PDB file of N, CA and C in Angstrom:
ATOM      1  N   MET A   1     -63.332  88.544-210.293  1.00  0.00           N
ATOM      2  CA  MET A   1     -62.075  88.544-210.997  1.00  0.00           C
ATOM      3  C   MET A   1     -62.355  88.775-212.472  1.00  0.00           C
ATOM      4  N   SER A   2     -61.714  89.760-213.037  1.00  0.00           N
ATOM      5  CA  SER A   2     -61.938  90.053-214.460  1.00  0.00           C
ATOM      6  C   SER A   2     -60.792  89.518-215.300  1.00  0.00           C
ATOM      7  N   ILE A   3     -61.133  89.077-216.494  1.00  0.00           N
ATOM      8  CA  ILE A   3     -60.136  88.559-217.433  1.00  0.00           C
ATOM      9  C   ILE A   3     -59.954  89.616-218.517  1.00  0.00           C
ATOM     10  N   PRO A   4     -58.721  90.081-218.727  1.00  0.00           N
ATOM     11  CA  PRO A   4     -58.513  91.115-219.752  1.00  0.00           C
ATOM     12  C   PRO A   4     -58.766  90.572-221.157  1.00  0.00           C
ATOM     13  N   ILE A   5     -59.269  91.419-222.009  1.00  0.00           N
ATOM     14  CA  ILE A   5     -59.509  91.051-223.403  1.00  0.00           C
ATOM     15  C   ILE A   5     -58.204  91.231-224.168  1.00  0.00           C
ATOM     16  N   SER A   6     -57.844  90.210-224.928  1.00  0.00           N
ATOM     17  CA  SER A   6     -56.594  90.297-225.686  1.00  0.00           C
ATOM     18  C   SER A   6     -56.750  91.232-226.878  1.00  0.00           C
ATOM     19  N   SER A   7     -55.639  91.706-227.376  1.00  0.00           N
ATOM     20  CA  SER A   7     -55.619  92.650-228.490  1.00  0.00           C
ATOM     21  C   SER A   7     -56.115  91.997-229.771  1.00  0.00           C
ATOM     22  N   ILE A   8     -56.849  92.754-230.557  1.00  0.00           N
ATOM     23  CA  ILE A   8     -57.351  92.255-231.831  1.00  0.00           C
ATOM     24  C   ILE A   8     -56.234  92.218-232.853  1.00  0.00           C
ATOM     25  N   GLY A   9     -55.348  93.169-232.815  1.00  0.00           N
ATOM     26  CA  GLY A   9     -54.232  93.202-233.752  1.00  0.00           C
ATOM     27  C   GLY A   9     -54.606  93.943-235.022  1.00  0.00           C
ATOM     28  N   HIS A  10     -53.745  93.825-236.004  1.00  0.00           N
ATOM     29  CA  HIS A  10     -53.953  94.512-237.274  1.00  0.00           C
ATOM     30  C   HIS A  10     -55.066  93.816-238.048  1.00  0.00           C
ATOM     31  N   ALA A  11     -56.052  94.587-238.492  1.00  0.00           N
ATOM     32  CA  ALA A  11     -57.170  94.046-239.262  1.00  0.00           C
ATOM     33  C   ALA A  11     -56.869  94.154-240.750  1.00  0.00           C
ATOM     34  N   PRO A  12     -56.783  93.022-241.472  1.00  0.00           N
ATOM     35  CA  PRO A  12     -56.512  93.088-242.907  1.00  0.00           C
ATOM     36  C   PRO A  12     -57.735  93.589-243.666  1.00  0.00           C
ATOM     37  N   GLN A  13     -57.499  94.153-244.849  1.00  0.00           N
ATOM     38  CA  GLN A  13     -58.598  94.621-245.671  1.00  0.00           C
ATOM     39  C   GLN A  13     -59.381  93.431-246.193  1.00  0.00           C
ATOM     40  N   LEU A  14     -60.673  93.632-246.414  1.00  0.00           N
ATOM     41  CA  LEU A  14     -61.485  92.564-246.965  1.00  0.00           C
ATOM     42  C   LEU A  14     -61.099  92.279-248.408  1.00  0.00           C
ATOM     43  N   LEU A  15     -61.038  93.297-249.202  1.00  0.00           N
ATOM     44  CA  LEU A  15     -60.628  93.168-250.591  1.00  0.00           C
ATOM     45  C   LEU A  15     -59.603  94.244-250.880  1.00  0.00           C
ATOM     46  N   SER A  16     -58.594  93.907-251.628  1.00  0.00           N
ATOM     47  CA  SER A  16     -57.552  94.867-251.960  1.00  0.00           C
ATOM     48  C   SER A  16     -57.989  95.704-253.145  1.00  0.00           C
ATOM     49  N   VAL A  17     -57.967  97.026-252.980  1.00  0.00           N
ATOM     50  CA  VAL A  17     -58.344  97.916-254.068  1.00  0.00           C
ATOM     51  C   VAL A  17     -57.123  98.462-254.793  1.00  0.00           C
ATOM     52  N   ASP A  18     -55.921  98.126-254.338  1.00  0.00           N
ATOM     53  CA  ASP A  18     -54.712  98.615-254.994  1.00  0.00           C
ATOM     54  C   ASP A  18     -54.592  98.083-256.417  1.00  0.00           C
ATOM     55  N   SER A  19     -55.069  96.866-256.645  1.00  0.00           N
ATOM     56  CA  SER A  19     -54.922  96.267-257.968  1.00  0.00           C
ATOM     57  C   SER A  19     -55.912  96.818-258.977  1.00  0.00           C
ATOM     58  N   ILE A  20     -56.914  97.593-258.534  1.00  0.00           N
ATOM     59  CA  ILE A  20     -57.888  98.131-259.475  1.00  0.00           C
ATOM     60  C   ILE A  20     -57.791  99.642-259.583  1.00  0.00           C
ATOM     61  N   ALA A  21     -56.635 100.193-259.229  1.00  0.00           N
ATOM     62  CA  ALA A  21     -56.434 101.634-259.346  1.00  0.00           C
ATOM     63  C   ALA A  21     -56.447 102.020-260.820  1.00  0.00           C
ATOM     64  N   PRO A  22     -56.968 103.196-261.147  1.00  0.00           N
ATOM     65  CA  PRO A  22     -57.042 103.603-262.552  1.00  0.00           C
ATOM     66  C   PRO A  22     -55.652 103.780-263.151  1.00  0.00           C
ATOM     67  N   VAL A  23     -55.547 103.457-264.420  1.00  0.00           N
ATOM     68  CA  VAL A  23     -54.277 103.566-265.123  1.00  0.00           C
ATOM     69  C   VAL A  23     -54.289 104.868-265.914  1.00  0.00           C
ATOM     70  N   THR A  24     -53.305 105.720-265.653  1.00  0.00           N
ATOM     71  CA  THR A  24     -53.191 106.969-266.387  1.00  0.00           C
ATOM     72  C   THR A  24     -52.272 106.757-267.577  1.00  0.00           C
ATOM     73  N   PRO A  25     -52.386 107.579-268.629  1.00  0.00           N
ATOM     74  CA  PRO A  25     -51.602 107.353-269.844  1.00  0.00           C
ATOM     75  C   PRO A  25     -50.095 107.262-269.621  1.00  0.00           C
ATOM     76  N   GLY A  26     -49.509 108.016-268.713  1.00  0.00           N
ATOM     77  CA  GLY A  26     -48.064 107.999-268.513  1.00  0.00           C
ATOM     78  C   GLY A  26     -47.589 107.059-267.436  1.00  0.00           C
ATOM     79  N   SER A  27     -48.484 106.298-266.833  1.00  0.00           N
ATOM     80  CA  SER A  27     -48.083 105.457-265.696  1.00  0.00           C
ATOM     81  C   SER A  27     -47.435 104.165-266.163  1.00  0.00           C
ATOM     82  N   GLN A  28     -46.702 103.542-265.269  1.00  0.00           N
ATOM     83  CA  GLN A  28     -46.000 102.310-265.571  1.00  0.00           C
ATOM     84  C   GLN A  28     -46.731 101.089-265.017  1.00  0.00           C
ATOM     85  N   ASN A  29     -48.030 101.228-264.668  1.00  0.00           N
ATOM     86  CA  ASN A  29     -48.795 100.119-264.097  1.00  0.00           C
ATOM     87  C   ASN A  29     -49.017  99.031-265.145  1.00  0.00           C
ATOM     88  N   LYS A  30     -48.907  97.778-264.707  1.00  0.00           N
ATOM     89  CA  LYS A  30     -49.223  96.672-265.597  1.00  0.00           C
ATOM     90  C   LYS A  30     -50.741  96.569-265.693  1.00  0.00           C
ATOM     91  N   SER A  31     -51.218  96.264-266.869  1.00  0.00           N
ATOM     92  CA  SER A  31     -52.670  96.104-267.023  1.00  0.00           C
ATOM     93  C   SER A  31     -53.056  94.722-266.516  1.00  0.00           C
ATOM     94  N   VAL A  32     -54.192  94.652-265.854  1.00  0.00           N
ATOM     95  CA  VAL A  32     -54.700  93.413-265.307  1.00  0.00           C
ATOM     96  C   VAL A  32     -56.019  93.127-266.005  1.00  0.00           C
ATOM     97  N   ASP A  33     -56.146  91.919-266.543  1.00  0.00           N
ATOM     98  CA  ASP A  33     -57.399  91.623-267.224  1.00  0.00           C
ATOM     99  C   ASP A  33     -58.517  91.364-266.217  1.00  0.00           C
ATOM    100  N   PHE A  34     -59.729  91.521-266.686  1.00  0.00           N
ATOM    101  CA  PHE A  34     -60.903  91.443-265.825  1.00  0.00           C
ATOM    102  C   PHE A  34     -61.041  90.070-265.180  1.00  0.00           C
ATOM    103  N   GLY A  35     -60.750  89.026-265.929  1.00  0.00           N
ATOM    104  CA  GLY A  35     -60.887  87.668-265.404  1.00  0.00           C
ATOM    105  C   GLY A  35     -59.982  87.405-264.213  1.00  0.00           C
ATOM    106  N   SER A  36     -58.727  87.842-264.302  1.00  0.00           N
ATOM    107  CA  SER A  36     -57.806  87.601-263.189  1.00  0.00           C
ATOM    108  C   SER A  36     -58.162  88.454-261.983  1.00  0.00           C
ATOM    109  N   LEU A  37     -58.672  89.661-262.233  1.00  0.00           N
ATOM    110  CA  LEU A  37     -59.111  90.523-261.143  1.00  0.00           C
ATOM    111  C   LEU A  37     -60.298  89.907-260.409  1.00  0.00           C
ATOM    112  N   LEU A  38     -61.250  89.384-261.169  1.00  0.00           N
ATOM    113  CA  LEU A  38     -62.412  88.743-260.571  1.00  0.00           C
ATOM    114  C   LEU A  38     -62.021  87.479-259.821  1.00  0.00           C
ATOM    115  N   SER A  39     -61.122  86.709-260.408  1.00  0.00           N
ATOM    116  CA  SER A  39     -60.644  85.490-259.753  1.00  0.00           C
ATOM    117  C   SER A  39     -59.940  85.806-258.432  1.00  0.00           C
ATOM    118  N   SER A  40     -59.155  86.862-258.422  1.00  0.00           N
ATOM    119  CA  SER A  40     -58.464  87.281-257.209  1.00  0.00           C
ATOM    120  C   SER A  40     -59.454  87.696-256.116  1.00  0.00           C
ATOM    121  N   ALA A  41     -60.481  88.431-256.500  1.00  0.00           N
ATOM    122  CA  ALA A  41     -61.491  88.868-255.529  1.00  0.00           C
ATOM    123  C   ALA A  41     -62.230  87.670-254.939  1.00  0.00           C
ATOM    124  N   ILE A  42     -62.570  86.695-255.785  1.00  0.00           N
ATOM    125  CA  ILE A  42     -63.269  85.495-255.304  1.00  0.00           C
ATOM    126  C   ILE A  42     -62.370  84.705-254.364  1.00  0.00           C
ATOM    127  N   THR A  43     -61.086  84.636-254.680  1.00  0.00           N
ATOM    128  CA  THR A  43     -60.131  83.929-253.820  1.00  0.00           C
ATOM    129  C   THR A  43     -60.041  84.596-252.449  1.00  0.00           C
ATOM    130  N   GLN A  44     -60.054  85.933-252.419  1.00  0.00           N
ATOM    131  CA  GLN A  44     -59.989  86.647-251.149  1.00  0.00           C
ATOM    132  C   GLN A  44     -61.248  86.419-250.317  1.00  0.00           C
ATOM    133  N   VAL A  45     -62.411  86.377-250.963  1.00  0.00           N
ATOM    134  CA  VAL A  45     -63.664  86.099-250.246  1.00  0.00           C
ATOM    135  C   VAL A  45     -63.630  84.691-249.675  1.00  0.00           C
ATOM    136  N   GLU A  46     -63.154  83.744-250.473  1.00  0.00           N
ATOM    137  CA  GLU A  46     -63.060  82.358-250.014  1.00  0.00           C
ATOM    138  C   GLU A  46     -62.069  82.229-248.856  1.00  0.00           C
ATOM    139  N   ALA A  47     -60.989  82.988-248.892  1.00  0.00           N
ATOM    140  CA  ALA A  47     -60.013  82.953-247.797  1.00  0.00           C
ATOM    141  C   ALA A  47     -60.640  83.470-246.499  1.00  0.00           C
ATOM    142  N   GLN A  48     -61.455  84.508-246.583  1.00  0.00           N
ATOM    143  CA  GLN A  48     -62.137  85.025-245.395  1.00  0.00           C
ATOM    144  C   GLN A  48     -63.092  83.974-244.818  1.00  0.00           C
ATOM    145  N   ARG A  49     -63.817  83.271-245.702  1.00  0.00           N
ATOM    146  CA  ARG A  49     -64.737  82.235-245.246  1.00  0.00           C
ATOM    147  C   ARG A  49     -63.983  81.086-244.588  1.00  0.00           C
ATOM    148  N   SER A  50     -62.870  80.690-245.201  1.00  0.00           N
ATOM    149  CA  SER A  50     -62.064  79.603-244.662  1.00  0.00           C
ATOM    150  C   SER A  50     -61.490  79.972-243.292  1.00  0.00           C
ATOM    151  N   HIS A  51     -61.024  81.219-243.161  1.00  0.00           N
ATOM    152  CA  HIS A  51     -60.494  81.680-241.876  1.00  0.00           C
ATOM    153  C   HIS A  51     -61.588  81.662-240.800  1.00  0.00           C
ATOM    154  N   ALA A  52     -62.789  82.081-241.170  1.00  0.00           N
ATOM    155  CA  ALA A  52     -63.905  82.071-240.203  1.00  0.00           C
ATOM    156  C   ALA A  52     -64.243  80.641-239.795  1.00  0.00           C
ATOM    157  N   ASP A  53     -64.258  79.710-240.749  1.00  0.00           N
ATOM    158  CA  ASP A  53     -64.541  78.307-240.432  1.00  0.00           C
ATOM    159  C   ASP A  53     -63.496  77.727-239.483  1.00  0.00           C
ATOM    160  N   GLN A  54     -62.233  78.036-239.745  1.00  0.00           N
ATOM    161  CA  GLN A  54     -61.163  77.541-238.871  1.00  0.00           C
ATOM    162  C   GLN A  54     -61.289  78.131-237.474  1.00  0.00           C
ATOM    163  N   SER A  55     -61.636  79.399-237.399  1.00  0.00           N
ATOM    164  CA  SER A  55     -61.802  80.053-236.102  1.00  0.00           C
ATOM    165  C   SER A  55     -62.940  79.416-235.318  1.00  0.00           C
ATOM    166  N   ILE A  56     -64.035  79.123-235.986  1.00  0.00           N
ATOM    167  CA  ILE A  56     -65.178  78.473-235.332  1.00  0.00           C
ATOM    168  C   ILE A  56     -64.781  77.094-234.822  1.00  0.00           C
ATOM    169  N   GLN A  57     -64.082  76.324-235.658  1.00  0.00           N
ATOM    170  CA  GLN A  57     -63.677  74.981-235.253  1.00  0.00           C
ATOM    171  C   GLN A  57     -62.725  75.006-234.056  1.00  0.00           C
ATOM    172  N   ARG A  58     -61.790  75.966-234.043  1.00  0.00           N
ATOM    173  CA  ARG A  58     -60.884  76.084-232.892  1.00  0.00           C
ATOM    174  C   ARG A  58     -61.659  76.445-231.628  1.00  0.00           C
ATOM    175  N   PHE A  59     -62.655  77.319-231.759  1.00  0.00           N
ATOM    176  CA  PHE A  59     -63.452  77.718-230.599  1.00  0.00           C
ATOM    177  C   PHE A  59     -64.257  76.528-230.058  1.00  0.00           C
ATOM    178  N   LEU A  60     -64.906  75.801-230.967  1.00  0.00           N
ATOM    179  CA  LEU A  60     -65.742  74.680-230.544  1.00  0.00           C
ATOM    180  C   LEU A  60     -64.942  73.516-229.966  1.00  0.00           C
ATOM    181  N   SER A  61     -63.708  73.362-230.421  1.00  0.00           N
ATOM    182  CA  SER A  61     -62.892  72.263-229.903  1.00  0.00           C
ATOM    183  C   SER A  61     -62.120  72.650-228.647  1.00  0.00           C
ATOM    184  N   GLY A  62     -62.236  73.922-228.229  1.00  0.00           N
ATOM    185  CA  GLY A  62     -61.596  74.361-226.999  1.00  0.00           C
ATOM    186  C   GLY A  62     -60.107  74.603-227.133  1.00  0.00           C
ATOM    187  N   GLN A  63     -59.646  75.007-228.294  1.00  0.00           N
ATOM    188  CA  GLN A  63     -58.218  75.216-228.528  1.00  0.00           C
ATOM    189  C   GLN A  63     -57.773  76.633-228.194  1.00  0.00           C
ATOM    190  N   GLY A  64     -58.500  77.329-227.361  1.00  0.00           N
ATOM    191  CA  GLY A  64     -58.061  78.639-226.893  1.00  0.00           C
ATOM    192  C   GLY A  64     -58.528  79.811-227.739  1.00  0.00           C
ATOM    193  N   GLU A  65     -59.378  79.571-228.712  1.00  0.00           N
ATOM    194  CA  GLU A  65     -59.905  80.665-229.530  1.00  0.00           C
ATOM    195  C   GLU A  65     -60.954  81.420-228.708  1.00  0.00           C
ATOM    196  N   GLU A  66     -60.854  82.742-228.726  1.00  0.00           N
ATOM    197  CA  GLU A  66     -61.784  83.548-227.945  1.00  0.00           C
ATOM    198  C   GLU A  66     -63.014  83.900-228.767  1.00  0.00           C
ATOM    199  N   LEU A  67     -64.132  84.063-228.077  1.00  0.00           N
ATOM    200  CA  LEU A  67     -65.409  84.282-228.751  1.00  0.00           C
ATOM    201  C   LEU A  67     -65.408  85.552-229.596  1.00  0.00           C
ATOM    202  N   HIS A  68     -64.789  86.619-229.102  1.00  0.00           N
ATOM    203  CA  HIS A  68     -64.808  87.859-229.879  1.00  0.00           C
ATOM    204  C   HIS A  68     -64.020  87.715-231.178  1.00  0.00           C
ATOM    205  N   ASN A  69     -62.961  86.894-231.178  1.00  0.00           N
ATOM    206  CA  ASN A  69     -62.224  86.645-232.420  1.00  0.00           C
ATOM    207  C   ASN A  69     -63.063  85.859-233.422  1.00  0.00           C
ATOM    208  N   VAL A  70     -63.864  84.936-232.915  1.00  0.00           N
ATOM    209  CA  VAL A  70     -64.762  84.167-233.779  1.00  0.00           C
ATOM    210  C   VAL A  70     -65.810  85.091-234.387  1.00  0.00           C
ATOM    211  N   ALA A  71     -66.380  85.973-233.571  1.00  0.00           N
ATOM    212  CA  ALA A  71     -67.395  86.900-234.069  1.00  0.00           C
ATOM    213  C   ALA A  71     -66.810  87.840-235.120  1.00  0.00           C
ATOM    214  N   ILE A  72     -65.618  88.329-234.895  1.00  0.00           N
ATOM    215  CA  ILE A  72     -64.980  89.237-235.862  1.00  0.00           C
ATOM    216  C   ILE A  72     -64.692  88.495-237.163  1.00  0.00           C
ATOM    217  N   ALA A  73     -64.181  87.287-237.083  1.00  0.00           N
ATOM    218  CA  ALA A  73     -63.871  86.520-238.295  1.00  0.00           C
ATOM    219  C   ALA A  73     -65.131  86.217-239.092  1.00  0.00           C
ATOM    220  N   THR A  74     -66.210  85.853-238.419  1.00  0.00           N
ATOM    221  CA  THR A  74     -67.449  85.552-239.144  1.00  0.00           C
ATOM    222  C   THR A  74     -68.058  86.813-239.746  1.00  0.00           C
ATOM    223  N   GLN A  75     -67.959  87.940-239.061  1.00  0.00           N
ATOM    224  CA  GLN A  75     -68.469  89.188-239.620  1.00  0.00           C
ATOM    225  C   GLN A  75     -67.652  89.623-240.830  1.00  0.00           C
ATOM    226  N   ARG A  76     -66.338  89.458-240.766  1.00  0.00           N
ATOM    227  CA  ARG A  76     -65.496  89.788-241.923  1.00  0.00           C
ATOM    228  C   ARG A  76     -65.882  88.933-243.127  1.00  0.00           C
ATOM    229  N   ALA A  77     -66.086  87.638-242.890  1.00  0.00           N
ATOM    230  CA  ALA A  77     -66.476  86.742-243.981  1.00  0.00           C
ATOM    231  C   ALA A  77     -67.837  87.137-244.540  1.00  0.00           C
ATOM    232  N   ASP A  78     -68.761  87.507-243.678  1.00  0.00           N
ATOM    233  CA  ASP A  78     -70.094  87.916-244.116  1.00  0.00           C
ATOM    234  C   ASP A  78     -70.037  89.205-244.935  1.00  0.00           C
ATOM    235  N   ILE A  79     -69.262  90.167-244.471  1.00  0.00           N
ATOM    236  CA  ILE A  79     -69.131  91.443-245.191  1.00  0.00           C
ATOM    237  C   ILE A  79     -68.446  91.227-246.538  1.00  0.00           C
ATOM    238  N   ALA A  80     -67.411  90.394-246.572  1.00  0.00           N
ATOM    239  CA  ALA A  80     -66.722  90.111-247.833  1.00  0.00           C
ATOM    240  C   ALA A  80     -67.667  89.442-248.824  1.00  0.00           C
ATOM    241  N   PHE A  81     -68.495  88.514-248.343  1.00  0.00           N
ATOM    242  CA  PHE A  81     -69.456  87.845-249.221  1.00  0.00           C
ATOM    243  C   PHE A  81     -70.499  88.838-249.729  1.00  0.00           C
ATOM    244  N   ASP A  82     -71.016  89.678-248.837  1.00  0.00           N
ATOM    245  CA  ASP A  82     -71.990  90.686-249.256  1.00  0.00           C
ATOM    246  C   ASP A  82     -71.409  91.639-250.291  1.00  0.00           C
ATOM    247  N   LEU A  83     -70.165  92.061-250.084  1.00  0.00           N
ATOM    248  CA  LEU A  83     -69.501  92.924-251.053  1.00  0.00           C
ATOM    249  C   LEU A  83     -69.353  92.214-252.395  1.00  0.00           C
ATOM    250  N   GLY A  84     -68.972  90.957-252.364  1.00  0.00           N
ATOM    251  CA  GLY A  84     -68.859  90.179-253.597  1.00  0.00           C
ATOM    252  C   GLY A  84     -70.188  90.054-254.323  1.00  0.00           C
ATOM    253  N   MET A  85     -71.261  89.854-253.573  1.00  0.00           N
ATOM    254  CA  MET A  85     -72.589  89.767-254.199  1.00  0.00           C
ATOM    255  C   MET A  85     -73.006  91.092-254.803  1.00  0.00           C
ATOM    256  N   GLN A  86     -72.701  92.194-254.144  1.00  0.00           N
ATOM    257  CA  GLN A  86     -73.043  93.505-254.695  1.00  0.00           C
ATOM    258  C   GLN A  86     -72.258  93.789-255.967  1.00  0.00           C
ATOM    259  N   ILE A  87     -70.988  93.399-255.989  1.00  0.00           N
ATOM    260  CA  ILE A  87     -70.183  93.565-257.196  1.00  0.00           C
ATOM    261  C   ILE A  87     -70.741  92.710-258.320  1.00  0.00           C
ATOM    262  N   ARG A  88     -71.116  91.480-257.994  1.00  0.00           N
ATOM    263  CA  ARG A  88     -71.730  90.593-258.986  1.00  0.00           C
ATOM    264  C   ARG A  88     -72.999  91.211-259.541  1.00  0.00           C
ATOM    265  N   ASN A  89     -73.840  91.753-258.671  1.00  0.00           N
ATOM    266  CA  ASN A  89     -75.087  92.365-259.119  1.00  0.00           C
ATOM    267  C   ASN A  89     -74.830  93.543-260.045  1.00  0.00           C
ATOM    268  N   LYS A  90     -73.827  94.351-259.735  1.00  0.00           N
ATOM    269  CA  LYS A  90     -73.479  95.492-260.592  1.00  0.00           C
ATOM    270  C   LYS A  90     -72.967  95.018-261.949  1.00  0.00           C
ATOM    271  N   ILE A  91     -72.175  93.963-261.966  1.00  0.00           N
ATOM    272  CA  ILE A  91     -71.656  93.436-263.223  1.00  0.00           C
ATOM    273  C   ILE A  91     -72.800  92.901-264.083  1.00  0.00           C
ATOM    274  N   VAL A  92     -73.707  92.154-263.478  1.00  0.00           N
ATOM    275  CA  VAL A  92     -74.857  91.626-264.224  1.00  0.00           C
ATOM    276  C   VAL A  92     -75.722  92.767-264.743  1.00  0.00           C
ATOM    277  N   SER A  93     -75.942  93.770-263.930  1.00  0.00           N
ATOM    278  CA  SER A  93     -76.737  94.924-264.346  1.00  0.00           C
ATOM    279  C   SER A  93     -76.079  95.659-265.515  1.00  0.00           C
ATOM    280  N   ALA A  94     -74.769  95.843-265.450  1.00  0.00           N
ATOM    281  CA  ALA A  94     -74.053  96.511-266.544  1.00  0.00           C
ATOM    282  C   ALA A  94     -74.134  95.677-267.816  1.00  0.00           C
ATOM    283  N   TYR A  95     -74.004  94.372-267.707  1.00  0.00           N
ATOM    284  CA  TYR A  95     -74.109  93.495-268.868  1.00  0.00           C
ATOM    285  C   TYR A  95     -75.489  93.593-269.494  1.00  0.00           C
ATOM    286  N   GLN A  96     -76.533  93.597-268.654  1.00  0.00           N
ATOM    287  CA  GLN A  96     -77.897  93.685-269.172  1.00  0.00           C
ATOM    288  C   GLN A  96     -78.131  95.016-269.874  1.00  0.00           C
ATOM    289  N   GLU A  97     -77.563  96.098-269.330  1.00  0.00           N
ATOM    290  CA  GLU A  97     -77.700  97.405-269.972  1.00  0.00           C
ATOM    291  C   GLU A  97     -77.003  97.430-271.324  1.00  0.00           C
ATOM    292  N   ILE A  98     -75.840  96.815-271.409  1.00  0.00           N
ATOM    293  CA  ILE A  98     -75.118  96.755-272.675  1.00  0.00           C
ATOM    294  C   ILE A  98     -75.906  95.945-273.694  1.00  0.00           C
ATOM    295  N   MET A  99     -76.507  94.869-273.255  1.00  0.00           N
ATOM    296  CA  MET A  99     -77.281  94.023-274.177  1.00  0.00           C
ATOM    297  C   MET A  99     -78.539  94.730-274.674  1.00  0.00           C
ATOM    298  N   LYS A 100     -79.047  95.703-273.935  1.00  0.00           N
ATOM    299  CA  LYS A 100     -80.240  96.443-274.347  1.00  0.00           C
ATOM    300  C   LYS A 100     -79.918  97.519-275.379  1.00  0.00           C
ATOM    301  N   MET A 101     -78.642  97.882-275.490  1.00  0.00           N
ATOM    302  CA  MET A 101     -78.268  98.945-276.433  1.00  0.00           C
ATOM    303  C   MET A 101     -78.490  98.499-277.870  1.00  0.00           C
ATOM    304  N   GLN A 102     -78.987  99.433-278.650  1.00  0.00           N
ATOM    305  CA  GLN A 102     -79.177  99.177-280.077  1.00  0.00           C
ATOM    306  C   GLN A 102     -78.001  99.741-280.851  1.00  0.00           C
ATOM    307  N   LEU A 103     -77.543  98.963-281.806  1.00  0.00           N
ATOM    308  CA  LEU A 103     -76.420  99.409-282.618  1.00  0.00           C
ATOM    309  C   LEU A 103     -76.872 100.077-283.876  1.00  0.00           C
TER     310      LEU A 103
END
């Protein structure tokens, strides 16, 4: 007897890139400061981790969470964290390059 796999549904983006679209001179986009953009990205990474933790807890307690949903949630959290670390590394590298410049 086979058990059908339930639908995964709509997969949300790990990080939203709409808020970091380039601003052209004639556009009506509001400017977003770097601090709030970084804070938003960190919040999204933390939300992915929290969702994965909740999914794991539901699976372990037998509340009907399926294993493939747990695996997908943990992979999303891992990818979001890796992306955040790569962005952090690029920011640190850019800062170090700026500090090396002679005026």
